[in-house]
């Protein structure tokens, strides 16, 4: 298939900056760039229209970027807790998706939609991780996502403690002295 030329109306990651004419696959243009108004077809009329409106578009882009930077400064270090059921091994019954993260972030004070959450694949295990949120094509922040079985477990994970299975007791720590069980000494740490 022949590539399609489009004019980027905003920066697109791994593709180019605003105003660049790039060649992309027809499906990418038809299904993503054109419907989301991130690009327009490259024709003489559209090139002329873009050049006429370039200053206005760049001013709007700059304003949105500055707004996104202010929001990023305000919510720097944001962390959200997501409570899910999980098995003994820490595998979730289901997964945590971009929509779940967006809803939790909105509840924590950062209004975003799921399209802004950059998640390569759904989260399927308990634990803490950083997730990237694109507030603007040129501004992204990281938010901490803590996936736990309960609020108490989330607090332990946040402190960096190891999480034992619910009916499992933590193993006793061995000291420098030998602990005898019967006549055989147990190895010490």
N, C-alpha and C. Protein backbone atom coordinates (compact mmCIF):
# COMPACT_ATOMS: atom_id res chain seq x y z
N UNK A 1 0.83 -1.19 0.00
CA UNK A 1 0.00 0.00 0.00
C UNK A 1 0.87 1.24 0.00
N UNK A 2 0.43 2.23 -0.68
CA UNK A 2 1.15 3.49 -0.75
C UNK A 2 0.92 4.30 0.52
N UNK A 3 1.96 5.00 0.92
CA UNK A 3 1.86 5.84 2.11
C UNK A 3 1.03 7.09 1.80
N UNK A 4 0.42 7.64 2.83
CA UNK A 4 -0.40 8.84 2.71
C UNK A 4 0.36 10.00 3.35
N UNK A 5 0.37 11.15 2.71
CA UNK A 5 1.01 12.33 3.28
C UNK A 5 -0.01 13.14 4.07
N UNK A 6 0.39 13.51 5.29
CA UNK A 6 -0.48 14.32 6.14
C UNK A 6 0.34 15.46 6.75
N UNK A 7 -0.35 16.52 7.15
CA UNK A 7 0.27 17.64 7.85
C UNK A 7 -0.11 17.49 9.32
N UNK A 8 0.89 17.44 10.18
CA UNK A 8 0.61 17.28 11.61
C UNK A 8 0.11 18.60 12.19
N UNK A 9 -1.02 18.54 12.88
CA UNK A 9 -1.60 19.73 13.50
C UNK A 9 -1.12 19.91 14.94
N UNK A 10 -0.45 18.88 15.48
CA UNK A 10 0.17 18.94 16.80
C UNK A 10 1.28 17.91 16.83
N UNK A 11 2.11 17.99 17.85
CA UNK A 11 3.20 17.03 17.97
C UNK A 11 2.62 15.64 18.21
N UNK A 12 3.15 14.67 17.49
CA UNK A 12 2.75 13.28 17.67
C UNK A 12 4.01 12.51 18.00
N UNK A 13 4.00 11.85 19.16
CA UNK A 13 5.17 11.13 19.63
C UNK A 13 5.62 10.10 18.61
N UNK A 14 6.91 10.04 18.38
CA UNK A 14 7.56 9.12 17.46
C UNK A 14 7.19 9.35 16.00
N UNK A 15 6.58 10.52 15.69
CA UNK A 15 6.20 10.80 14.31
C UNK A 15 6.71 12.16 13.85
N UNK A 16 6.46 13.22 14.62
CA UNK A 16 6.95 14.53 14.22
C UNK A 16 6.32 15.67 14.98
N UNK A 17 6.75 16.90 14.61
CA UNK A 17 6.29 18.12 15.26
C UNK A 17 5.14 18.75 14.46
N UNK A 18 4.50 19.73 15.08
CA UNK A 18 3.41 20.45 14.42
C UNK A 18 3.93 21.10 13.13
N UNK A 19 3.17 20.97 12.06
CA UNK A 19 3.50 21.60 10.80
C UNK A 19 4.30 20.74 9.85
N UNK A 20 4.83 19.64 10.32
CA UNK A 20 5.61 18.75 9.45
C UNK A 20 4.68 17.96 8.54
N UNK A 21 5.15 17.73 7.32
CA UNK A 21 4.44 16.86 6.39
C UNK A 21 5.12 15.50 6.48
N UNK A 22 4.37 14.49 6.89
CA UNK A 22 4.94 13.16 7.07
C UNK A 22 4.14 12.13 6.27
N UNK A 23 4.80 11.04 5.96
CA UNK A 23 4.15 9.93 5.27
C UNK A 23 3.83 8.85 6.30
N UNK A 24 2.58 8.41 6.30
CA UNK A 24 2.13 7.37 7.22
C UNK A 24 1.32 6.34 6.46
N UNK A 25 1.09 5.23 7.09
CA UNK A 25 0.26 4.19 6.48
C UNK A 25 -1.18 4.68 6.41
N UNK A 26 -1.91 4.28 5.38
CA UNK A 26 -3.28 4.76 5.21
C UNK A 26 -4.19 4.48 6.41
N UNK A 27 -4.05 3.31 7.01
CA UNK A 27 -4.90 2.96 8.15
C UNK A 27 -4.63 3.83 9.36
N UNK A 28 -3.37 4.16 9.60
CA UNK A 28 -3.01 5.02 10.73
C UNK A 28 -3.60 6.41 10.53
N UNK A 29 -3.53 6.90 9.32
CA UNK A 29 -4.11 8.22 9.02
C UNK A 29 -5.63 8.16 9.14
N UNK A 30 -6.24 7.20 8.52
CA UNK A 30 -7.70 7.09 8.46
C UNK A 30 -8.33 6.80 9.82
N UNK A 31 -7.67 5.95 10.62
CA UNK A 31 -8.27 5.49 11.88
C UNK A 31 -7.85 6.28 13.12
N UNK A 32 -6.72 7.00 13.03
CA UNK A 32 -6.26 7.69 14.23
C UNK A 32 -5.98 9.18 14.00
N UNK A 33 -5.07 9.50 13.11
CA UNK A 33 -4.65 10.90 12.95
C UNK A 33 -5.76 11.82 12.47
N UNK A 34 -6.49 11.42 11.46
CA UNK A 34 -7.54 12.30 10.91
C UNK A 34 -8.75 12.42 11.84
N UNK A 35 -9.30 11.32 12.38
CA UNK A 35 -10.47 11.47 13.27
C UNK A 35 -10.18 12.24 14.56
N UNK A 36 -8.96 12.15 15.07
CA UNK A 36 -8.63 12.86 16.31
C UNK A 36 -8.11 14.27 16.04
N UNK A 37 -8.10 14.66 14.79
CA UNK A 37 -7.68 15.99 14.34
C UNK A 37 -6.24 16.30 14.71
N UNK A 38 -5.42 15.27 14.76
CA UNK A 38 -3.99 15.47 14.99
C UNK A 38 -3.28 15.77 13.67
N UNK A 39 -3.97 15.52 12.56
CA UNK A 39 -3.37 15.77 11.24
C UNK A 39 -4.48 16.03 10.23
N UNK A 40 -4.08 16.65 9.12
CA UNK A 40 -4.99 16.84 7.98
C UNK A 40 -4.25 16.34 6.74
N UNK A 41 -5.01 15.97 5.73
CA UNK A 41 -4.39 15.48 4.49
C UNK A 41 -3.54 16.59 3.86
N UNK A 42 -2.41 16.19 3.31
CA UNK A 42 -1.49 17.15 2.69
C UNK A 42 -1.93 17.40 1.25
N UNK A 43 -2.53 18.56 1.03
CA UNK A 43 -2.89 19.00 -0.32
C UNK A 43 -2.48 20.46 -0.44
N UNK A 44 -2.51 20.99 -1.64
CA UNK A 44 -2.13 22.40 -1.82
C UNK A 44 -3.01 23.31 -0.98
N UNK A 45 -4.32 23.08 -1.01
CA UNK A 45 -5.24 23.92 -0.25
C UNK A 45 -4.99 23.82 1.26
N UNK A 46 -4.80 22.60 1.74
CA UNK A 46 -4.57 22.41 3.18
C UNK A 46 -3.23 22.99 3.61
N UNK A 47 -2.20 22.88 2.77
CA UNK A 47 -0.91 23.48 3.09
C UNK A 47 -1.04 25.00 3.20
N UNK A 48 -1.75 25.59 2.25
CA UNK A 48 -1.94 27.05 2.27
C UNK A 48 -2.75 27.46 3.49
N UNK A 49 -3.80 26.70 3.81
CA UNK A 49 -4.62 27.00 4.99
C UNK A 49 -3.80 26.89 6.27
N UNK A 50 -2.97 25.85 6.35
CA UNK A 50 -2.14 25.68 7.55
C UNK A 50 -1.17 26.85 7.70
N UNK A 51 -0.54 27.27 6.62
CA UNK A 51 0.41 28.39 6.69
C UNK A 51 -0.29 29.68 7.13
N UNK A 52 -1.53 29.88 6.68
CA UNK A 52 -2.28 31.07 7.10
C UNK A 52 -2.60 31.03 8.59
N UNK A 53 -2.91 29.86 9.08
CA UNK A 53 -3.34 29.71 10.47
C UNK A 53 -2.21 29.29 11.41
N UNK A 54 -0.99 29.17 10.90
CA UNK A 54 0.14 28.66 11.68
C UNK A 54 0.36 29.43 12.97
N UNK A 55 0.40 30.75 12.92
CA UNK A 55 0.66 31.56 14.12
C UNK A 55 -0.41 31.33 15.18
N UNK A 56 -1.67 31.30 14.73
CA UNK A 56 -2.76 31.08 15.68
C UNK A 56 -2.67 29.67 16.29
N UNK A 57 -2.39 28.66 15.48
CA UNK A 57 -2.29 27.29 15.98
C UNK A 57 -1.12 27.14 16.96
N UNK A 58 0.02 27.78 16.64
CA UNK A 58 1.16 27.70 17.55
C UNK A 58 0.88 28.41 18.86
N UNK A 59 0.16 29.53 18.81
CA UNK A 59 -0.21 30.24 20.04
C UNK A 59 -1.13 29.39 20.90
N UNK A 60 -2.12 28.74 20.27
CA UNK A 60 -3.03 27.87 21.02
C UNK A 60 -2.26 26.70 21.64
N UNK A 61 -1.34 26.13 20.87
CA UNK A 61 -0.55 25.01 21.35
C UNK A 61 0.31 25.44 22.54
N UNK A 62 0.92 26.62 22.46
CA UNK A 62 1.75 27.13 23.54
C UNK A 62 0.92 27.35 24.81
N UNK A 63 -0.27 27.89 24.64
CA UNK A 63 -1.16 28.14 25.78
C UNK A 63 -1.55 26.82 26.46
N UNK A 64 -1.92 25.82 25.65
CA UNK A 64 -2.29 24.51 26.22
C UNK A 64 -1.10 23.85 26.90
N UNK A 65 0.10 24.00 26.32
CA UNK A 65 1.29 23.41 26.92
C UNK A 65 1.61 24.06 28.26
N UNK A 66 1.52 25.39 28.34
CA UNK A 66 1.79 26.08 29.60
C UNK A 66 0.78 25.67 30.67
N UNK A 67 -0.46 25.52 30.26
CA UNK A 67 -1.51 25.06 31.18
C UNK A 67 -1.18 23.66 31.70
N UNK A 68 -0.76 22.78 30.80
CA UNK A 68 -0.41 21.41 31.18
C UNK A 68 0.80 21.40 32.11
N UNK A 69 1.77 22.29 31.88
CA UNK A 69 2.95 22.37 32.74
C UNK A 69 2.56 22.83 34.15
N UNK A 70 1.63 23.77 34.24
CA UNK A 70 1.16 24.22 35.57
C UNK A 70 0.47 23.08 36.31
N UNK A 71 -0.35 22.33 35.60
CA UNK A 71 -1.03 21.18 36.22
C UNK A 71 0.01 20.15 36.66
N UNK A 72 1.02 19.91 35.83
CA UNK A 72 2.06 18.94 36.16
C UNK A 72 2.81 19.35 37.44
N UNK A 73 3.10 20.64 37.59
CA UNK A 73 3.77 21.11 38.79
C UNK A 73 2.88 20.94 40.02
N UNK A 74 1.59 21.19 39.84
CA UNK A 74 0.65 21.11 40.97
C UNK A 74 0.48 19.68 41.47
N UNK A 75 0.46 18.73 40.59
CA UNK A 75 0.20 17.34 40.99
C UNK A 75 1.45 16.48 40.97
N UNK A 76 2.62 17.11 41.01
CA UNK A 76 3.88 16.36 41.01
C UNK A 76 3.90 15.37 42.18
N UNK A 77 4.23 14.14 41.92
CA UNK A 77 4.31 13.13 42.96
C UNK A 77 2.98 12.52 43.36
N UNK A 78 1.96 12.69 42.53
CA UNK A 78 0.64 12.13 42.83
C UNK A 78 0.71 10.61 42.85
N UNK A 79 0.04 10.03 43.81
CA UNK A 79 -0.05 8.58 43.90
C UNK A 79 -1.49 8.17 44.11
N UNK A 80 -1.88 7.08 43.50
CA UNK A 80 -3.25 6.58 43.67
C UNK A 80 -3.18 5.13 44.15
N UNK A 81 -4.21 4.75 44.90
CA UNK A 81 -4.33 3.39 45.40
C UNK A 81 -5.52 2.74 44.72
N UNK A 82 -5.31 1.56 44.18
CA UNK A 82 -6.39 0.81 43.53
C UNK A 82 -6.51 -0.52 44.25
N UNK A 83 -7.68 -0.80 44.79
CA UNK A 83 -7.94 -2.01 45.55
C UNK A 83 -8.55 -3.06 44.61
N UNK A 84 -7.92 -4.23 44.55
CA UNK A 84 -8.39 -5.32 43.71
C UNK A 84 -8.24 -6.64 44.45
N UNK A 85 -9.03 -7.62 44.06
CA UNK A 85 -8.87 -8.96 44.60
C UNK A 85 -7.73 -9.65 43.87
N UNK A 86 -6.98 -10.45 44.65
CA UNK A 86 -5.83 -11.13 44.05
C UNK A 86 -5.64 -12.49 44.71
N UNK A 87 -4.95 -13.35 44.01
CA UNK A 87 -4.65 -14.68 44.53
C UNK A 87 -3.46 -14.65 45.48
N UNK A 88 -3.11 -15.82 46.00
CA UNK A 88 -2.01 -15.95 46.95
C UNK A 88 -0.68 -15.50 46.35
N UNK A 89 -0.49 -15.71 45.05
CA UNK A 89 0.79 -15.37 44.41
C UNK A 89 0.89 -13.89 44.06
N UNK A 90 -0.19 -13.13 44.27
CA UNK A 90 -0.17 -11.71 43.94
C UNK A 90 -0.73 -11.40 42.56
N UNK A 91 -1.22 -12.42 41.86
CA UNK A 91 -1.83 -12.19 40.55
C UNK A 91 -3.26 -11.72 40.75
N UNK A 92 -3.63 -10.68 40.02
CA UNK A 92 -4.97 -10.13 40.15
C UNK A 92 -6.01 -11.02 39.48
N UNK A 93 -7.23 -10.99 40.03
CA UNK A 93 -8.36 -11.62 39.37
C UNK A 93 -8.90 -10.55 38.42
N UNK A 94 -8.38 -10.50 37.23
CA UNK A 94 -8.70 -9.44 36.30
C UNK A 94 -7.47 -8.60 36.10
N UNK A 95 -7.63 -7.32 35.84
CA UNK A 95 -6.48 -6.44 35.63
C UNK A 95 -6.85 -5.00 35.92
N UNK A 96 -5.85 -4.15 35.99
CA UNK A 96 -6.05 -2.71 36.16
C UNK A 96 -5.75 -2.07 34.81
N UNK A 97 -6.73 -1.38 34.26
CA UNK A 97 -6.58 -0.78 32.93
C UNK A 97 -6.37 0.72 33.03
N UNK A 98 -6.17 1.34 31.88
CA UNK A 98 -6.00 2.80 31.82
C UNK A 98 -7.24 3.50 32.36
N UNK A 99 -8.42 2.96 32.11
CA UNK A 99 -9.65 3.57 32.61
C UNK A 99 -9.68 3.57 34.14
N UNK A 100 -9.24 2.47 34.77
CA UNK A 100 -9.20 2.40 36.23
C UNK A 100 -8.25 3.44 36.81
N UNK A 101 -7.10 3.60 36.17
CA UNK A 101 -6.11 4.56 36.63
C UNK A 101 -6.65 5.98 36.46
N UNK A 102 -7.31 6.26 35.34
CA UNK A 102 -7.87 7.59 35.10
C UNK A 102 -8.94 7.92 36.13
N UNK A 103 -9.80 6.96 36.45
CA UNK A 103 -10.84 7.18 37.45
C UNK A 103 -10.23 7.44 38.83
N UNK A 104 -9.19 6.68 39.20
CA UNK A 104 -8.54 6.87 40.50
C UNK A 104 -7.83 8.23 40.56
N UNK A 105 -7.20 8.64 39.46
CA UNK A 105 -6.51 9.94 39.42
C UNK A 105 -7.52 11.07 39.50
N UNK A 106 -8.67 10.92 38.84
CA UNK A 106 -9.71 11.94 38.90
C UNK A 106 -10.24 12.07 40.33
N UNK A 107 -10.40 10.94 41.01
CA UNK A 107 -10.86 10.98 42.40
C UNK A 107 -9.81 11.63 43.31
N UNK A 108 -8.52 11.53 42.92
CA UNK A 108 -7.44 12.12 43.72
C UNK A 108 -7.19 13.58 43.39
N UNK A 109 -7.91 14.13 42.39
CA UNK A 109 -7.79 15.55 42.10
C UNK A 109 -7.17 15.90 40.76
N UNK A 110 -6.78 14.93 39.95
CA UNK A 110 -6.22 15.19 38.62
C UNK A 110 -7.21 14.69 37.58
N UNK A 111 -7.92 15.61 36.94
CA UNK A 111 -8.94 15.22 35.97
C UNK A 111 -8.27 14.87 34.65
N UNK A 112 -8.28 13.58 34.33
CA UNK A 112 -7.73 13.07 33.08
C UNK A 112 -8.71 12.06 32.50
N UNK A 113 -8.53 11.76 31.22
CA UNK A 113 -9.33 10.69 30.64
C UNK A 113 -8.41 9.51 30.33
N UNK A 114 -8.98 8.38 30.02
CA UNK A 114 -8.18 7.17 29.86
C UNK A 114 -7.23 7.25 28.67
N UNK A 115 -7.52 8.10 27.69
CA UNK A 115 -6.63 8.25 26.55
C UNK A 115 -5.32 8.91 26.90
N UNK A 116 -5.27 9.61 28.02
CA UNK A 116 -4.05 10.28 28.45
C UNK A 116 -3.13 9.36 29.23
N UNK A 117 -3.64 8.22 29.71
CA UNK A 117 -2.83 7.28 30.47
C UNK A 117 -2.06 6.40 29.48
N UNK A 118 -0.74 6.44 29.57
CA UNK A 118 0.10 5.66 28.65
C UNK A 118 0.46 4.36 29.37
N UNK A 119 -0.23 3.29 28.97
CA UNK A 119 -0.06 1.99 29.60
C UNK A 119 0.16 0.97 28.49
N UNK A 120 1.35 0.39 28.42
CA UNK A 120 1.66 -0.56 27.35
C UNK A 120 0.79 -1.80 27.43
N UNK A 121 0.57 -2.28 28.64
CA UNK A 121 -0.29 -3.45 28.85
C UNK A 121 -0.94 -3.33 30.23
N UNK A 122 -2.09 -3.96 30.41
CA UNK A 122 -2.79 -3.85 31.70
C UNK A 122 -1.94 -4.39 32.84
N UNK A 123 -2.16 -3.86 34.03
CA UNK A 123 -1.44 -4.30 35.23
C UNK A 123 -2.15 -5.54 35.76
N UNK A 124 -1.40 -6.63 35.95
CA UNK A 124 -2.02 -7.89 36.36
C UNK A 124 -1.47 -8.45 37.67
N UNK A 125 -0.62 -7.65 38.37
CA UNK A 125 -0.07 -8.12 39.64
C UNK A 125 -0.15 -7.01 40.69
N UNK A 126 -0.09 -7.41 41.94
CA UNK A 126 -0.06 -6.45 43.04
C UNK A 126 1.27 -5.74 43.04
N UNK A 127 1.31 -4.55 43.62
CA UNK A 127 2.57 -3.84 43.76
C UNK A 127 2.46 -2.38 43.39
N UNK A 128 3.61 -1.72 43.45
CA UNK A 128 3.67 -0.30 43.12
C UNK A 128 4.43 -0.13 41.82
N UNK A 129 3.95 0.81 41.00
CA UNK A 129 4.64 1.11 39.74
C UNK A 129 4.33 2.54 39.33
N UNK A 130 5.17 3.08 38.47
CA UNK A 130 4.96 4.42 37.91
C UNK A 130 4.27 4.27 36.55
N UNK A 131 3.27 5.12 36.33
CA UNK A 131 2.54 5.11 35.07
C UNK A 131 2.63 6.51 34.47
N UNK A 132 2.87 6.59 33.19
CA UNK A 132 3.01 7.88 32.51
C UNK A 132 1.65 8.40 32.09
N UNK A 133 1.43 9.70 32.33
CA UNK A 133 0.19 10.37 31.93
C UNK A 133 0.59 11.55 31.03
N UNK A 134 0.08 11.55 29.81
CA UNK A 134 0.37 12.62 28.85
C UNK A 134 -0.69 13.70 28.99
N UNK A 135 -0.33 14.81 29.64
CA UNK A 135 -1.26 15.93 29.82
C UNK A 135 -1.37 16.75 28.53
N UNK A 136 -0.34 16.70 27.71
CA UNK A 136 -0.24 17.44 26.45
C UNK A 136 0.76 16.65 25.61
N UNK A 137 0.75 16.77 24.30
CA UNK A 137 1.73 16.02 23.51
C UNK A 137 3.18 16.29 23.90
N UNK A 138 3.45 17.41 24.54
CA UNK A 138 4.82 17.74 24.94
C UNK A 138 5.04 17.71 26.44
N UNK A 139 4.02 17.39 27.23
CA UNK A 139 4.14 17.38 28.69
C UNK A 139 3.56 16.06 29.22
N UNK A 140 4.42 15.32 29.94
CA UNK A 140 3.97 14.07 30.54
C UNK A 140 4.46 14.03 31.98
N UNK A 141 3.68 13.40 32.84
CA UNK A 141 4.07 13.23 34.24
C UNK A 141 3.97 11.76 34.59
N UNK A 142 4.58 11.40 35.68
CA UNK A 142 4.47 10.04 36.20
C UNK A 142 3.64 10.06 37.47
N UNK A 143 2.70 9.15 37.55
CA UNK A 143 1.95 9.02 38.80
C UNK A 143 2.19 7.62 39.35
N UNK A 144 2.26 7.53 40.66
CA UNK A 144 2.46 6.24 41.31
C UNK A 144 1.14 5.51 41.45
N UNK A 145 1.13 4.26 41.03
CA UNK A 145 -0.07 3.43 41.14
C UNK A 145 0.26 2.30 42.10
N UNK A 146 -0.50 2.21 43.18
CA UNK A 146 -0.32 1.19 44.20
C UNK A 146 -1.51 0.24 44.11
N UNK A 147 -1.29 -0.96 43.62
CA UNK A 147 -2.35 -1.96 43.49
C UNK A 147 -2.22 -2.91 44.67
N UNK A 148 -3.29 -3.00 45.48
CA UNK A 148 -3.26 -3.80 46.69
C UNK A 148 -4.61 -4.48 46.92
N UNK A 149 -4.63 -5.43 47.87
CA UNK A 149 -5.88 -6.13 48.21
C UNK A 149 -6.74 -5.32 49.17
N UNK A 150 -6.09 -4.48 50.02
CA UNK A 150 -6.82 -3.71 51.02
C UNK A 150 -6.07 -2.40 51.29
N UNK A 151 -6.74 -1.43 51.89
CA UNK A 151 -6.04 -0.18 52.23
C UNK A 151 -4.85 -0.40 53.18
N UNK A 152 -4.96 -1.37 54.09
CA UNK A 152 -3.87 -1.65 55.01
C UNK A 152 -2.66 -2.19 54.24
N UNK A 153 -2.92 -3.09 53.29
CA UNK A 153 -1.84 -3.64 52.48
C UNK A 153 -1.20 -2.56 51.61
N UNK A 154 -2.01 -1.62 51.13
CA UNK A 154 -1.49 -0.52 50.32
C UNK A 154 -0.54 0.34 51.15
N UNK A 155 -0.89 0.58 52.43
CA UNK A 155 -0.02 1.37 53.31
C UNK A 155 1.30 0.65 53.54
N UNK A 156 1.24 -0.69 53.73
CA UNK A 156 2.47 -1.46 53.92
C UNK A 156 3.35 -1.38 52.66
N UNK A 157 2.73 -1.52 51.49
CA UNK A 157 3.49 -1.45 50.25
C UNK A 157 4.12 -0.08 50.08
N UNK A 158 3.40 0.97 50.46
CA UNK A 158 3.92 2.32 50.33
C UNK A 158 5.13 2.54 51.24
N UNK A 159 5.15 1.86 52.39
CA UNK A 159 6.30 1.96 53.30
C UNK A 159 7.45 1.08 52.84
N UNK A 160 7.21 0.20 51.88
CA UNK A 160 8.26 -0.66 51.36
C UNK A 160 8.34 -2.01 52.05
N UNK A 161 7.32 -2.36 52.84
CA UNK A 161 7.32 -3.64 53.53
C UNK A 161 6.91 -4.75 52.57
N UNK A 162 7.43 -5.94 52.82
CA UNK A 162 7.04 -7.10 52.01
C UNK A 162 5.65 -7.53 52.44
N UNK A 163 4.86 -7.96 51.49
CA UNK A 163 3.49 -8.37 51.77
C UNK A 163 3.44 -9.89 51.81
N UNK A 164 3.03 -10.43 52.98
CA UNK A 164 2.87 -11.87 53.13
C UNK A 164 1.45 -12.25 52.75
N UNK A 165 1.26 -13.48 52.38
CA UNK A 165 -0.08 -13.95 52.07
C UNK A 165 -0.94 -13.81 53.32
N UNK A 166 -2.27 -13.60 53.18
CA UNK A 166 -3.12 -13.32 54.34
C UNK A 166 -3.02 -14.33 55.47
N UNK A 167 -2.96 -15.64 55.20
CA UNK A 167 -2.92 -16.63 56.28
C UNK A 167 -1.50 -17.10 56.56
N UNK A 168 -0.52 -16.42 56.03
CA UNK A 168 0.87 -16.78 56.18
C UNK A 168 1.50 -15.89 57.24
N UNK A 169 2.23 -16.50 58.17
CA UNK A 169 2.92 -15.71 59.17
C UNK A 169 4.31 -15.39 58.67
N UNK A 170 4.82 -14.19 58.99
CA UNK A 170 6.18 -13.88 58.56
C UNK A 170 7.17 -14.82 59.22
N UNK A 171 8.22 -15.21 58.49
CA UNK A 171 9.20 -16.13 59.04
C UNK A 171 10.01 -15.43 60.11
N UNK A 172 10.35 -16.16 61.19
CA UNK A 172 11.15 -15.53 62.25
C UNK A 172 12.55 -15.22 61.72
N UNK A 173 13.11 -14.13 62.20
CA UNK A 173 14.46 -13.76 61.78
C UNK A 173 15.45 -14.53 62.63
N UNK A 174 16.48 -15.04 61.99
CA UNK A 174 17.51 -15.79 62.70
C UNK A 174 18.57 -14.81 63.18
N UNK A 175 19.07 -15.07 64.39
CA UNK A 175 20.13 -14.23 64.93
C UNK A 175 21.46 -14.94 64.76
N UNK A 176 22.48 -14.38 65.31
CA UNK A 176 23.82 -14.97 65.20
C UNK A 176 23.97 -16.25 66.02
N UNK A 177 23.04 -16.52 66.95
CA UNK A 177 23.11 -17.72 67.78
C UNK A 177 22.43 -18.87 67.06
N UNK A 178 22.90 -20.06 67.31
CA UNK A 178 22.28 -21.24 66.71
C UNK A 178 20.97 -21.53 67.43
N UNK A 179 19.96 -21.91 66.67
CA UNK A 179 18.66 -22.29 67.23
C UNK A 179 18.58 -23.80 67.10
N UNK A 180 18.35 -24.46 68.23
CA UNK A 180 18.33 -25.91 68.20
C UNK A 180 16.92 -26.44 68.13
N UNK A 181 16.76 -27.41 67.27
CA UNK A 181 15.49 -28.12 67.18
C UNK A 181 15.85 -29.59 67.29
N UNK A 182 15.61 -30.14 68.43
CA UNK A 182 16.09 -31.50 68.68
C UNK A 182 17.58 -31.44 68.89
N UNK A 183 18.33 -32.34 68.25
CA UNK A 183 19.78 -32.37 68.39
C UNK A 183 20.49 -31.66 67.23
N UNK A 184 19.75 -31.27 66.19
CA UNK A 184 20.39 -30.68 65.01
C UNK A 184 20.33 -29.16 65.05
N UNK A 185 21.45 -28.47 64.91
CA UNK A 185 21.42 -27.01 64.87
C UNK A 185 20.93 -26.55 63.50
N UNK A 186 20.13 -25.49 63.51
CA UNK A 186 19.67 -24.89 62.25
C UNK A 186 20.72 -23.89 61.78
N UNK A 187 20.89 -23.75 60.49
CA UNK A 187 21.87 -22.77 60.00
C UNK A 187 21.44 -21.36 60.39
N UNK A 188 22.43 -20.49 60.62
CA UNK A 188 22.14 -19.11 60.99
C UNK A 188 22.46 -18.20 59.81
N UNK A 189 21.93 -17.01 59.89
CA UNK A 189 22.10 -16.05 58.79
C UNK A 189 23.49 -15.48 58.76
